[in-house]
Amino acid sequence: MGDNGANYADVIATTHSGTKWSAQPVPAGTEGLNSMACPSTTDCYAVGYISSVQGTILATTDSGSSWIAQTLPAGTADLYGIACPSTTTCYAAGFDSQGYGTIVATSDSGAAWSAQAVPSRSFFPAAVACPSTTNCFVVGTTGPYHAEIVATTDSGTKWRRQKVPSGILSFAGIACTSATTCYVAGTTSSLDGVILTTTNEGHTWGSQAVPSGSSFPTAVACPSTTTCYVVGENSAYRGDILATDNSGATWIDQPVPSGVGFLQGVACPSTRTCYAVGTVPSGSGGLVLEGPSSIITGLS
């Protein structure tokens, strides 16, 4: 999923554990896709943009044989993150056509999407996680240089800001292992990587120790209550993967194959199987990594 280099979106999929990837057709005119959520093996939603002022949400109910564009509220522009806690309920976040943060939601499989009020129009969302159909978190930045987490416990009727430690520049990824426990990855004002966790629905967030050199985490995946993976870019501008199997008490830097640049996304169907997507160092091509054979080491 992403941009094929010719300013048009691509979706690729595998049903062979990554040994074979196939391109799937997307609606004409879709320029870029930023994020995807699959609440079942056949149902997926992808978000992105058609133009700089028009966002898009694509949906499939047949494992990607066909992708259909859904209707968004007027003024919805580029969407960056989406989470679907059920096949019918999804939340997506990004920008409106005026450049302000926006959150849209559906409870009927995308037949209707509605815009929800955000705490501040200067909030720039980056990622979404929803441990239930009523509880969701959106992370990002409140301009110009302050990381932000907003959360809802009532299906988006009200989104509330949560208090985060000072000195954090931005958040880029989030994953929740339960309704109370979540992990957020981002970058500090000194351009070091940071991982926060909460075990009380975000009432408090605490920092976890991150290996030095992990500068720009971008995405988080947690296949179990204790195991999580974070991908991004290190201080040498190469792909970076961190892993924990003890709820973040320790994060271990994972060996990444040579020729891997910026990693932008990760999904883990099990604690020992993950897929990470990104680019080669020059940025001129995409790649998919699969673990654990060449990636996940050092865990119990």
Foldseek 3Di string as FASTA:
>chain_A
DWAPQPQAEWDWDDPPLPPDIDIADADPQHRTWAEKEAQDQQWMKTKFASDQAGIWIWITRGNRNYIDTADAPPQQGTWHEKYAQHQQKMKTWAAGNVGFIWIWIGRGNRNDIDIADDPDRQFGWAYKEAQHQFWIKTWWARPDFHTWIWIGRGNRNDIHTADDDPQFGIWAEKYAQHQQKIKTWAAGPVQQIWIWMTRGNRNYIDTADDDAFRGGWHYKEAQHQQKIKIWFAGPVQFIWIWITRGNRNDIDTKDDDPQGGTWHYKYAPHRFWMKIKDAGSVRPGIDIDIDDVRTDDDYD
